[in-house]
């Protein structure tokens, strides 16, 4: 979901500053009352009304280790995910290794 534009933010705050109630402003601009209260609180505490930087979760543990993975696989292509996980410089589970290896385009050979 994209953040509300700066134009909308300033129009909402201008309407609130002109004496309209939070409920009226919410209905006028089709936004929630909770969002208006948080916006007013941010302006009061920080003096800033710009949208915050979007957070998208933690950085993947194997980010930056793709070259190590490719090198380990190219050295001996029939290694299992557990063997590859043991050779990596970071501690990861074999499921994580399996997921990243498949995303990189490699496949594990099935053993009987």
PDB file of N, CA and C in Angstrom:
ATOM      1  N   UNK A   1       0.837  -1.171   0.000  1.00  0.00           N
ATOM      2  CA  UNK A   1       0.000   0.000   0.000  1.00  0.00           C
ATOM      3  C   UNK A   1       0.887   1.241   0.000  1.00  0.00           C
ATOM      4  N   UNK A   2       0.561   2.173  -0.832  1.00  0.00           N
ATOM      5  CA  UNK A   2       1.357   3.388  -0.960  1.00  0.00           C
ATOM      6  C   UNK A   2       0.952   4.395   0.112  1.00  0.00           C
ATOM      7  N   UNK A   3       1.896   5.205   0.577  1.00  0.00           N
ATOM      8  CA  UNK A   3       1.551   6.231   1.573  1.00  0.00           C
ATOM      9  C   UNK A   3       0.727   7.350   0.941  1.00  0.00           C
ATOM     10  N   UNK A   4      -0.024   8.025   1.772  1.00  0.00           N
ATOM     11  CA  UNK A   4      -0.807   9.168   1.292  1.00  0.00           C
ATOM     12  C   UNK A   4       0.123  10.275   0.816  1.00  0.00           C
ATOM     13  N   UNK A   5      -0.301  11.024  -0.182  1.00  0.00           N
ATOM     14  CA  UNK A   5       0.528  12.077  -0.765  1.00  0.00           C
ATOM     15  C   UNK A   5       0.675  13.248   0.201  1.00  0.00           C
ATOM     16  N   UNK A   6       1.714  14.043  -0.048  1.00  0.00           N
ATOM     17  CA  UNK A   6       1.945  15.232   0.769  1.00  0.00           C
ATOM     18  C   UNK A   6       0.806  16.234   0.579  1.00  0.00           C
ATOM     19  N   UNK A   7       0.256  16.293  -0.627  1.00  0.00           N
ATOM     20  CA  UNK A   7      -0.853  17.198  -0.894  1.00  0.00           C
ATOM     21  C   UNK A   7      -2.048  16.866  -0.010  1.00  0.00           C
ATOM     22  N   UNK A   8      -2.392  15.592   0.075  1.00  0.00           N
ATOM     23  CA  UNK A   8      -3.507  15.175   0.921  1.00  0.00           C
ATOM     24  C   UNK A   8      -3.199  15.465   2.381  1.00  0.00           C
ATOM     25  N   UNK A   9      -1.992  15.196   2.796  1.00  0.00           N
ATOM     26  CA  UNK A   9      -1.612  15.439   4.193  1.00  0.00           C
ATOM     27  C   UNK A   9      -1.778  16.909   4.566  1.00  0.00           C
ATOM     28  N   UNK A  10      -1.307  17.799   3.699  1.00  0.00           N
ATOM     29  CA  UNK A  10      -1.421  19.232   4.009  1.00  0.00           C
ATOM     30  C   UNK A  10      -2.885  19.683   3.961  1.00  0.00           C
ATOM     31  N   UNK A  11      -3.681  19.160   3.016  1.00  0.00           N
ATOM     32  CA  UNK A  11      -5.095  19.544   2.965  1.00  0.00           C
ATOM     33  C   UNK A  11      -5.844  19.066   4.199  1.00  0.00           C
ATOM     34  N   UNK A  12      -5.519  17.862   4.683  1.00  0.00           N
ATOM     35  CA  UNK A  12      -6.171  17.338   5.886  1.00  0.00           C
ATOM     36  C   UNK A  12      -5.806  18.198   7.086  1.00  0.00           C
ATOM     37  N   UNK A  13      -4.534  18.525   7.231  1.00  0.00           N
ATOM     38  CA  UNK A  13      -4.125  19.334   8.378  1.00  0.00           C
ATOM     39  C   UNK A  13      -4.683  20.755   8.287  1.00  0.00           C
ATOM     40  N   UNK A  14      -4.762  21.313   7.088  1.00  0.00           N
ATOM     41  CA  UNK A  14      -5.353  22.641   6.932  1.00  0.00           C
ATOM     42  C   UNK A  14      -6.818  22.636   7.348  1.00  0.00           C
ATOM     43  N   UNK A  15      -7.525  21.564   6.975  1.00  0.00           N
ATOM     44  CA  UNK A  15      -8.933  21.453   7.357  1.00  0.00           C
ATOM     45  C   UNK A  15      -9.073  21.328   8.873  1.00  0.00           C
ATOM     46  N   UNK A  16      -8.188  20.568   9.492  1.00  0.00           N
ATOM     47  CA  UNK A  16      -8.230  20.427  10.948  1.00  0.00           C
ATOM     48  C   UNK A  16      -7.907  21.759  11.622  1.00  0.00           C
ATOM     49  N   UNK A  17      -6.945  22.482  11.084  1.00  0.00           N
ATOM     50  CA  UNK A  17      -6.542  23.764  11.666  1.00  0.00           C
ATOM     51  C   UNK A  17      -7.621  24.831  11.496  1.00  0.00           C
ATOM     52  N   UNK A  18      -8.471  24.679  10.487  1.00  0.00           N
ATOM     53  CA  UNK A  18      -9.524  25.674  10.250  1.00  0.00           C
ATOM     54  C   UNK A  18     -10.715  25.492  11.190  1.00  0.00           C
ATOM     55  N   UNK A  19     -10.674  24.448  12.008  1.00  0.00           N
ATOM     56  CA  UNK A  19     -11.721  24.274  13.007  1.00  0.00           C
ATOM     57  C   UNK A  19     -12.627  23.088  12.776  1.00  0.00           C
ATOM     58  N   UNK A  20     -12.445  22.358  11.696  1.00  0.00           N
ATOM     59  CA  UNK A  20     -13.269  21.176  11.465  1.00  0.00           C
ATOM     60  C   UNK A  20     -12.866  20.071  12.431  1.00  0.00           C
ATOM     61  N   UNK A  21     -13.815  19.233  12.795  1.00  0.00           N
ATOM     62  CA  UNK A  21     -13.536  18.110  13.675  1.00  0.00           C
ATOM     63  C   UNK A  21     -12.883  16.964  12.911  1.00  0.00           C
ATOM     64  N   UNK A  22     -12.278  16.081  13.659  1.00  0.00           N
ATOM     65  CA  UNK A  22     -11.568  14.955  13.050  1.00  0.00           C
ATOM     66  C   UNK A  22     -12.516  14.062  12.253  1.00  0.00           C
ATOM     67  N   UNK A  23     -13.702  13.828  12.770  1.00  0.00           N
ATOM     68  CA  UNK A  23     -14.673  12.989  12.060  1.00  0.00           C
ATOM     69  C   UNK A  23     -15.107  13.625  10.745  1.00  0.00           C
ATOM     70  N   UNK A  24     -15.328  14.924  10.780  1.00  0.00           N
ATOM     71  CA  UNK A  24     -15.741  15.629   9.557  1.00  0.00           C
ATOM     72  C   UNK A  24     -14.648  15.569   8.493  1.00  0.00           C
ATOM     73  N   UNK A  25     -13.410  15.788   8.920  1.00  0.00           N
ATOM     74  CA  UNK A  25     -12.280  15.762   7.983  1.00  0.00           C
ATOM     75  C   UNK A  25     -12.111  14.352   7.411  1.00  0.00           C
ATOM     76  N   UNK A  26     -12.281  13.341   8.261  1.00  0.00           N
ATOM     77  CA  UNK A  26     -12.143  11.953   7.804  1.00  0.00           C
ATOM     78  C   UNK A  26     -13.178  11.627   6.737  1.00  0.00           C
ATOM     79  N   UNK A  27     -14.404  12.082   6.941  1.00  0.00           N
ATOM     80  CA  UNK A  27     -15.448  11.829   5.950  1.00  0.00           C
ATOM     81  C   UNK A  27     -15.209  12.636   4.675  1.00  0.00           C
ATOM     82  N   UNK A  28     -14.747  13.876   4.827  1.00  0.00           N
ATOM     83  CA  UNK A  28     -14.513  14.735   3.670  1.00  0.00           C
ATOM     84  C   UNK A  28     -13.428  14.179   2.752  1.00  0.00           C
ATOM     85  N   UNK A  29     -12.323  13.691   3.348  1.00  0.00           N
ATOM     86  CA  UNK A  29     -11.183  13.218   2.562  1.00  0.00           C
ATOM     87  C   UNK A  29     -11.122  11.698   2.423  1.00  0.00           C
ATOM     88  N   UNK A  30     -12.105  10.997   2.989  1.00  0.00           N
ATOM     89  CA  UNK A  30     -12.186   9.538   2.901  1.00  0.00           C
ATOM     90  C   UNK A  30     -10.933   8.856   3.469  1.00  0.00           C
ATOM     91  N   UNK A  31     -10.552   9.275   4.666  1.00  0.00           N
ATOM     92  CA  UNK A  31      -9.432   8.661   5.392  1.00  0.00           C
ATOM     93  C   UNK A  31      -9.936   8.298   6.782  1.00  0.00           C
ATOM     94  N   UNK A  32      -9.144   7.544   7.522  1.00  0.00           N
ATOM     95  CA  UNK A  32      -9.579   7.134   8.854  1.00  0.00           C
ATOM     96  C   UNK A  32      -9.277   8.219   9.884  1.00  0.00           C
ATOM     97  N   UNK A  33     -10.070   8.211  10.933  1.00  0.00           N
ATOM     98  CA  UNK A  33      -9.838   9.178  12.012  1.00  0.00           C
ATOM     99  C   UNK A  33      -8.528   8.872  12.731  1.00  0.00           C
ATOM    100  N   UNK A  34      -8.190   7.576  12.840  1.00  0.00           N
ATOM    101  CA  UNK A  34      -6.940   7.198  13.504  1.00  0.00           C
ATOM    102  C   UNK A  34      -5.740   7.750  12.742  1.00  0.00           C
ATOM    103  N   UNK A  35      -5.794   7.711  11.409  1.00  0.00           N
ATOM    104  CA  UNK A  35      -4.685   8.246  10.610  1.00  0.00           C
ATOM    105  C   UNK A  35      -4.543   9.747  10.828  1.00  0.00           C
ATOM    106  N   UNK A  36      -5.670  10.453  10.908  1.00  0.00           N
ATOM    107  CA  UNK A  36      -5.619  11.897  11.136  1.00  0.00           C
ATOM    108  C   UNK A  36      -5.021  12.199  12.505  1.00  0.00           C
ATOM    109  N   UNK A  37      -5.435  11.464  13.514  1.00  0.00           N
ATOM    110  CA  UNK A  37      -4.879  11.682  14.860  1.00  0.00           C
ATOM    111  C   UNK A  37      -3.378  11.418  14.884  1.00  0.00           C
ATOM    112  N   UNK A  38      -2.933  10.341  14.202  1.00  0.00           N
ATOM    113  CA  UNK A  38      -1.492  10.048  14.166  1.00  0.00           C
ATOM    114  C   UNK A  38      -0.736  11.130  13.407  1.00  0.00           C
ATOM    115  N   UNK A  39      -1.321  11.629  12.320  1.00  0.00           N
ATOM    116  CA  UNK A  39      -0.678  12.688  11.546  1.00  0.00           C
ATOM    117  C   UNK A  39      -0.532  13.958  12.381  1.00  0.00           C
ATOM    118  N   UNK A  40      -1.588  14.316  13.096  1.00  0.00           N
ATOM    119  CA  UNK A  40      -1.522  15.502  13.958  1.00  0.00           C
ATOM    120  C   UNK A  40      -0.506  15.307  15.083  1.00  0.00           C
ATOM    121  N   UNK A  41      -0.441  14.106  15.618  1.00  0.00           N
ATOM    122  CA  UNK A  41       0.518  13.815  16.677  1.00  0.00           C
ATOM    123  C   UNK A  41       1.950  13.914  16.164  1.00  0.00           C
ATOM    124  N   UNK A  42       2.206  13.384  14.964  1.00  0.00           N
ATOM    125  CA  UNK A  42       3.554  13.475  14.391  1.00  0.00           C
ATOM    126  C   UNK A  42       3.951  14.920  14.153  1.00  0.00           C
ATOM    127  N   UNK A  43       3.014  15.729  13.658  1.00  0.00           N
ATOM    128  CA  UNK A  43       3.314  17.138  13.428  1.00  0.00           C
ATOM    129  C   UNK A  43       3.615  17.835  14.750  1.00  0.00           C
ATOM    130  N   UNK A  44       2.863  17.509  15.790  1.00  0.00           N
ATOM    131  CA  UNK A  44       3.050  18.126  17.103  1.00  0.00           C
ATOM    132  C   UNK A  44       4.388  17.717  17.728  1.00  0.00           C
ATOM    133  N   UNK A  45       4.746  16.415  17.624  1.00  0.00           N
ATOM    134  CA  UNK A  45       5.948  15.914  18.286  1.00  0.00           C
ATOM    135  C   UNK A  45       7.212  16.131  17.465  1.00  0.00           C
ATOM    136  N   UNK A  46       7.161  15.842  16.162  1.00  0.00           N
ATOM    137  CA  UNK A  46       8.358  15.900  15.322  1.00  0.00           C
ATOM    138  C   UNK A  46       8.402  17.125  14.419  1.00  0.00           C
ATOM    139  N   UNK A  47       7.251  17.714  14.165  1.00  0.00           N
ATOM    140  CA  UNK A  47       7.191  18.813  13.219  1.00  0.00           C
ATOM    141  C   UNK A  47       7.256  18.342  11.776  1.00  0.00           C
ATOM    142  N   UNK A  48       7.083  17.052  11.568  1.00  0.00           N
ATOM    143  CA  UNK A  48       7.205  16.465  10.234  1.00  0.00           C
ATOM    144  C   UNK A  48       5.902  15.762   9.883  1.00  0.00           C
ATOM    145  N   UNK A  49       5.473  15.914   8.633  1.00  0.00           N
ATOM    146  CA  UNK A  49       4.256  15.222   8.202  1.00  0.00           C
ATOM    147  C   UNK A  49       4.522  14.310   7.008  1.00  0.00           C
ATOM    148  N   UNK A  50       5.763  14.251   6.564  1.00  0.00           N
ATOM    149  CA  UNK A  50       6.109  13.415   5.405  1.00  0.00           C
ATOM    150  C   UNK A  50       5.966  11.940   5.766  1.00  0.00           C
ATOM    151  N   UNK A  51       5.648  11.104   4.780  1.00  0.00           N
ATOM    152  CA  UNK A  51       5.552   9.670   5.073  1.00  0.00           C
ATOM    153  C   UNK A  51       6.905   9.111   5.485  1.00  0.00           C
ATOM    154  N   UNK A  52       6.862   8.178   6.398  1.00  0.00           N
ATOM    155  CA  UNK A  52       8.101   7.543   6.844  1.00  0.00           C
ATOM    156  C   UNK A  52       8.589   6.568   5.794  1.00  0.00           C
ATOM    157  N   UNK A  53       9.853   6.237   5.885  1.00  0.00           N
ATOM    158  CA  UNK A  53      10.425   5.271   4.957  1.00  0.00           C
ATOM    159  C   UNK A  53       9.756   3.918   5.179  1.00  0.00           C
ATOM    160  N   UNK A  54       9.429   3.246   4.085  1.00  0.00           N
ATOM    161  CA  UNK A  54       8.770   1.948   4.169  1.00  0.00           C
ATOM    162  C   UNK A  54       9.747   0.895   4.677  1.00  0.00           C
ATOM    163  N   UNK A  55       9.270   0.068   5.585  1.00  0.00           N
ATOM    164  CA  UNK A  55      10.078  -1.032   6.101  1.00  0.00           C
ATOM    165  C   UNK A  55       9.546  -2.314   5.500  1.00  0.00           C
ATOM    166  N   UNK A  56      10.440  -3.152   5.050  1.00  0.00           N
ATOM    167  CA  UNK A  56      10.012  -4.376   4.371  1.00  0.00           C
ATOM    168  C   UNK A  56      10.602  -5.618   5.010  1.00  0.00           C
ATOM    169  N   UNK A  57      10.740  -5.627   6.287  1.00  0.00           N
ATOM    170  CA  UNK A  57      11.201  -6.813   6.967  1.00  0.00           C
ATOM    171  C   UNK A  57      12.708  -6.885   7.077  1.00  0.00           C
ATOM    172  N   UNK A  58      13.198  -7.945   7.699  1.00  0.00           N
ATOM    173  CA  UNK A  58      14.630  -8.085   7.916  1.00  0.00           C
ATOM    174  C   UNK A  58      15.389  -8.415   6.636  1.00  0.00           C
ATOM    175  N   UNK A  59      16.672  -8.127   6.644  1.00  0.00           N
ATOM    176  CA  UNK A  59      17.530  -8.449   5.507  1.00  0.00           C
ATOM    177  C   UNK A  59      17.754  -9.956   5.501  1.00  0.00           C
ATOM    178  N   UNK A  60      17.605 -10.628   4.368  1.00  0.00           N
ATOM    179  CA  UNK A  60      17.837 -12.069   4.313  1.00  0.00           C
ATOM    180  C   UNK A  60      19.248 -12.424   4.783  1.00  0.00           C
ATOM    181  N   UNK A  61      19.360 -13.514   5.517  1.00  0.00           N
ATOM    182  CA  UNK A  61      20.630 -13.888   6.132  1.00  0.00           C
ATOM    183  C   UNK A  61      21.700 -14.237   5.097  1.00  0.00           C
ATOM    184  N   UNK A  62      21.296 -14.731   3.938  1.00  0.00           N
ATOM    185  CA  UNK A  62      22.267 -15.111   2.915  1.00  0.00           C
ATOM    186  C   UNK A  62      22.481 -14.031   1.856  1.00  0.00           C
ATOM    187  N   UNK A  63      21.920 -12.853   2.073  1.00  0.00           N
ATOM    188  CA  UNK A  63      22.138 -11.773   1.116  1.00  0.00           C
ATOM    189  C   UNK A  63      23.621 -11.393   1.130  1.00  0.00           C
ATOM    190  N   UNK A  64      24.219 -11.378  -0.031  1.00  0.00           N
ATOM    191  CA  UNK A  64      25.641 -11.087  -0.138  1.00  0.00           C
ATOM    192  C   UNK A  64      26.509 -12.336  -0.169  1.00  0.00           C
ATOM    193  N   UNK A  65      25.923 -13.495   0.079  1.00  0.00           N
ATOM    194  CA  UNK A  65      26.677 -14.752   0.070  1.00  0.00           C
ATOM    195  C   UNK A  65      26.346 -15.600  -1.153  1.00  0.00           C
ATOM    196  N   UNK A  66      25.709 -15.006  -2.155  1.00  0.00           N
ATOM    197  CA  UNK A  66      25.318 -15.765  -3.338  1.00  0.00           C
ATOM    198  C   UNK A  66      26.538 -16.298  -4.088  1.00  0.00           C
ATOM    199  N   UNK A  67      27.623 -15.508  -4.132  1.00  0.00           N
ATOM    200  CA  UNK A  67      28.844 -15.963  -4.807  1.00  0.00           C
ATOM    201  C   UNK A  67      29.446 -17.159  -4.089  1.00  0.00           C
ATOM    202  N   UNK A  68      29.433 -17.126  -2.754  1.00  0.00           N
ATOM    203  CA  UNK A  68      29.930 -18.269  -1.983  1.00  0.00           C
ATOM    204  C   UNK A  68      29.109 -19.517  -2.292  1.00  0.00           C
ATOM    205  N   UNK A  69      27.803 -19.347  -2.338  1.00  0.00           N
ATOM    206  CA  UNK A  69      26.925 -20.479  -2.657  1.00  0.00           C
ATOM    207  C   UNK A  69      27.231 -21.042  -4.039  1.00  0.00           C
ATOM    208  N   UNK A  70      27.337 -20.159  -5.025  1.00  0.00           N
ATOM    209  CA  UNK A  70      27.609 -20.612  -6.392  1.00  0.00           C
ATOM    210  C   UNK A  70      28.956 -21.324  -6.472  1.00  0.00           C
ATOM    211  N   UNK A  71      29.956 -20.797  -5.771  1.00  0.00           N
ATOM    212  CA  UNK A  71      31.283 -21.425  -5.776  1.00  0.00           C
ATOM    213  C   UNK A  71      31.221 -22.812  -5.151  1.00  0.00           C
ATOM    214  N   UNK A  72      30.538 -22.939  -4.020  1.00  0.00           N
ATOM    215  CA  UNK A  72      30.424 -24.228  -3.333  1.00  0.00           C
ATOM    216  C   UNK A  72      29.692 -25.238  -4.211  1.00  0.00           C
ATOM    217  N   UNK A  73      28.637 -24.803  -4.882  1.00  0.00           N
ATOM    218  CA  UNK A  73      27.879 -25.716  -5.739  1.00  0.00           C
ATOM    219  C   UNK A  73      28.684 -26.110  -6.968  1.00  0.00           C
ATOM    220  N   UNK A  74      29.389 -25.142  -7.558  1.00  0.00           N
ATOM    221  CA  UNK A  74      30.183 -25.446  -8.757  1.00  0.00           C
ATOM    222  C   UNK A  74      31.351 -26.385  -8.459  1.00  0.00           C
ATOM    223  N   UNK A  75      31.927 -26.308  -7.241  1.00  0.00           N
ATOM    224  CA  UNK A  75      33.029 -27.196  -6.873  1.00  0.00           C
ATOM    225  C   UNK A  75      32.579 -28.653  -6.863  1.00  0.00           C
ATOM    226  N   UNK A  76      31.417 -28.891  -6.269  1.00  0.00           N
ATOM    227  CA  UNK A  76      30.893 -30.257  -6.175  1.00  0.00           C
ATOM    228  C   UNK A  76      29.368 -30.183  -6.253  1.00  0.00           C
ATOM    229  N   UNK A  77      28.817 -30.366  -7.461  1.00  0.00           N
ATOM    230  CA  UNK A  77      27.382 -30.144  -7.681  1.00  0.00           C
ATOM    231  C   UNK A  77      26.448 -31.094  -6.943  1.00  0.00           C
ATOM    232  N   UNK A  78      26.936 -32.247  -6.458  1.00  0.00           N
ATOM    233  CA  UNK A  78      26.014 -33.195  -5.827  1.00  0.00           C
ATOM    234  C   UNK A  78      25.958 -33.065  -4.307  1.00  0.00           C
ATOM    235  N   UNK A  79      26.381 -31.947  -3.768  1.00  0.00           N
ATOM    236  CA  UNK A  79      26.275 -31.734  -2.324  1.00  0.00           C
ATOM    237  C   UNK A  79      24.812 -31.531  -1.939  1.00  0.00           C
ATOM    238  N   UNK A  80      24.495 -31.963  -0.733  1.00  0.00           N
ATOM    239  CA  UNK A  80      23.146 -31.749  -0.212  1.00  0.00           C
ATOM    240  C   UNK A  80      23.055 -30.358   0.407  1.00  0.00           C
ATOM    241  N   UNK A  81      21.844 -29.940   0.706  1.00  0.00           N
ATOM    242  CA  UNK A  81      21.640 -28.624   1.312  1.00  0.00           C
ATOM    243  C   UNK A  81      22.304 -28.553   2.688  1.00  0.00           C
ATOM    244  N   UNK A  82      22.290 -29.665   3.429  1.00  0.00           N
ATOM    245  CA  UNK A  82      22.938 -29.684   4.740  1.00  0.00           C
ATOM    246  C   UNK A  82      24.448 -29.523   4.612  1.00  0.00           C
ATOM    247  N   UNK A  83      25.033 -30.177   3.608  1.00  0.00           N
ATOM    248  CA  UNK A  83      26.484 -30.047   3.397  1.00  0.00           C
ATOM    249  C   UNK A  83      26.846 -28.626   2.987  1.00  0.00           C
ATOM    250  N   UNK A  84      26.033 -28.025   2.145  1.00  0.00           N
ATOM    251  CA  UNK A  84      26.296 -26.647   1.718  1.00  0.00           C
ATOM    252  C   UNK A  84      26.174 -25.700   2.905  1.00  0.00           C
ATOM    253  N   UNK A  85      25.159 -25.901   3.739  1.00  0.00           N
ATOM    254  CA  UNK A  85      24.959 -25.043   4.910  1.00  0.00           C
ATOM    255  C   UNK A  85      26.156 -25.109   5.847  1.00  0.00           C
ATOM    256  N   UNK A  86      26.765 -26.289   5.973  1.00  0.00           N
ATOM    257  CA  UNK A  86      27.927 -26.438   6.853  1.00  0.00           C
ATOM    258  C   UNK A  86      29.151 -25.715   6.310  1.00  0.00           C
ATOM    259  N   UNK A  87      29.230 -25.506   5.004  1.00  0.00           N
ATOM    260  CA  UNK A  87      30.389 -24.864   4.399  1.00  0.00           C
ATOM    261  C   UNK A  87      30.277 -23.342   4.308  1.00  0.00           C
ATOM    262  N   UNK A  88      29.109 -22.809   4.586  1.00  0.00           N
ATOM    263  CA  UNK A  88      28.915 -21.360   4.475  1.00  0.00           C
ATOM    264  C   UNK A  88      29.507 -20.625   5.674  1.00  0.00           C
ATOM    265  N   UNK A  89      29.899 -19.350   5.484  1.00  0.00           N
ATOM    266  CA  UNK A  89      30.488 -18.587   6.584  1.00  0.00           C
ATOM    267  C   UNK A  89      29.476 -18.125   7.629  1.00  0.00           C
ATOM    268  N   UNK A  90      28.183 -18.305   7.379  1.00  0.00           N
ATOM    269  CA  UNK A  90      27.153 -17.947   8.349  1.00  0.00           C
ATOM    270  C   UNK A  90      26.366 -19.196   8.717  1.00  0.00           C
ATOM    271  N   UNK A  91      25.753 -19.183   9.887  1.00  0.00           N
ATOM    272  CA  UNK A  91      24.989 -20.328  10.348  1.00  0.00           C
ATOM    273  C   UNK A  91      23.549 -20.212   9.845  1.00  0.00           C
ATOM    274  N   UNK A  92      23.163 -21.154   8.985  1.00  0.00           N
ATOM    275  CA  UNK A  92      21.816 -21.165   8.426  1.00  0.00           C
ATOM    276  C   UNK A  92      21.297 -22.591   8.392  1.00  0.00           C
ATOM    277  N   UNK A  93      19.977 -22.715   8.284  1.00  0.00           N
ATOM    278  CA  UNK A  93      19.384 -24.039   8.189  1.00  0.00           C
ATOM    279  C   UNK A  93      19.454 -24.535   6.752  1.00  0.00           C
ATOM    280  N   UNK A  94      19.297 -25.843   6.584  1.00  0.00           N
ATOM    281  CA  UNK A  94      19.347 -26.402   5.237  1.00  0.00           C
ATOM    282  C   UNK A  94      18.126 -25.982   4.419  1.00  0.00           C
ATOM    283  N   UNK A  95      16.999 -25.668   5.093  1.00  0.00           N
ATOM    284  CA  UNK A  95      15.827 -25.183   4.362  1.00  0.00           C
ATOM    285  C   UNK A  95      16.102 -23.823   3.725  1.00  0.00           C
ATOM    286  N   UNK A  96      16.816 -22.953   4.459  1.00  0.00           N
ATOM    287  CA  UNK A  96      17.169 -21.642   3.926  1.00  0.00           C
ATOM    288  C   UNK A  96      18.090 -21.787   2.728  1.00  0.00           C
ATOM    289  N   UNK A  97      19.062 -22.675   2.842  1.00  0.00           N
ATOM    290  CA  UNK A  97      19.984 -22.919   1.734  1.00  0.00           C
ATOM    291  C   UNK A  97      19.208 -23.434   0.531  1.00  0.00           C
ATOM    292  N   UNK A  98      18.300 -24.366   0.752  1.00  0.00           N
ATOM    293  CA  UNK A  98      17.505 -24.925  -0.338  1.00  0.00           C
ATOM    294  C   UNK A  98      16.718 -23.835  -1.058  1.00  0.00           C
ATOM    295  N   UNK A  99      16.093 -22.945  -0.291  1.00  0.00           N
ATOM    296  CA  UNK A  99      15.291 -21.873  -0.871  1.00  0.00           C
ATOM    297  C   UNK A  99      16.145 -20.926  -1.711  1.00  0.00           C
ATOM    298  N   UNK A 100      17.317 -20.540  -1.209  1.00  0.00           N
ATOM    299  CA  UNK A 100      18.187 -19.606  -1.937  1.00  0.00           C
ATOM    300  C   UNK A 100      18.796 -20.277  -3.157  1.00  0.00           C
ATOM    301  N   UNK A 101      19.185 -21.531  -3.032  1.00  0.00           N
ATOM    302  CA  UNK A 101      19.774 -22.260  -4.161  1.00  0.00           C
ATOM    303  C   UNK A 101      18.760 -22.366  -5.300  1.00  0.00           C
ATOM    304  N   UNK A 102      17.523 -22.666  -4.975  1.00  0.00           N
ATOM    305  CA  UNK A 102      16.486 -22.742  -6.016  1.00  0.00           C
ATOM    306  C   UNK A 102      16.217 -21.375  -6.632  1.00  0.00           C
ATOM    307  N   UNK A 103      16.250 -20.321  -5.824  1.00  0.00           N
ATOM    308  CA  UNK A 103      16.044 -18.979  -6.359  1.00  0.00           C
ATOM    309  C   UNK A 103      17.171 -18.576  -7.303  1.00  0.00           C
ATOM    310  N   UNK A 104      18.382 -19.074  -7.050  1.00  0.00           N
ATOM    311  CA  UNK A 104      19.520 -18.788  -7.920  1.00  0.00           C
ATOM    312  C   UNK A 104      19.485 -19.608  -9.206  1.00  0.00           C
ATOM    313  N   UNK A 105      18.578 -20.564  -9.299  1.00  0.00           N
ATOM    314  CA  UNK A 105      18.436 -21.328 -10.530  1.00  0.00           C
ATOM    315  C   UNK A 105      19.078 -22.694 -10.504  1.00  0.00           C
ATOM    316  N   UNK A 106      19.650 -23.102  -9.391  1.00  0.00           N
ATOM    317  CA  UNK A 106      20.242 -24.438  -9.264  1.00  0.00           C
ATOM    318  C   UNK A 106      19.162 -25.413  -8.800  1.00  0.00           C
ATOM    319  N   UNK A 107      19.405 -26.701  -9.047  1.00  0.00           N
ATOM    320  CA  UNK A 107      18.486 -27.747  -8.614  1.00  0.00           C
ATOM    321  C   UNK A 107      19.286 -28.830  -7.893  1.00  0.00           C
ATOM    322  N   UNK A 108      18.640 -29.457  -6.927  1.00  0.00           N
ATOM    323  CA  UNK A 108      19.271 -30.572  -6.237  1.00  0.00           C
ATOM    324  C   UNK A 108      18.903 -31.860  -6.943  1.00  0.00           C
ATOM    325  N   UNK A 109      19.893 -32.727  -7.119  1.00  0.00           N
ATOM    326  CA  UNK A 109      19.647 -34.020  -7.748  1.00  0.00           C
ATOM    327  C   UNK A 109      18.980 -34.934  -6.732  1.00  0.00           C
ATOM    328  N   UNK A 110      17.982 -35.645  -7.185  1.00  0.00           N
ATOM    329  CA  UNK A 110      17.310 -36.585  -6.296  1.00  0.00           C
ATOM    330  C   UNK A 110      18.150 -37.821  -6.151  1.00  0.00           C
ATOM    331  N   UNK A 111      18.280 -38.300  -4.923  1.00  0.00           N
ATOM    332  CA  UNK A 111      19.047 -39.525  -4.662  1.00  0.00           C
ATOM    333  C   UNK A 111      18.091 -40.634  -4.259  1.00  0.00           C
ATOM    334  N   UNK A 112      18.371 -41.827  -4.719  1.00  0.00           N
ATOM    335  CA  UNK A 112      17.536 -42.979  -4.347  1.00  0.00           C
ATOM    336  C   UNK A 112      18.110 -43.675  -3.148  1.00  0.00           C
TER     337      UNK A 112
END
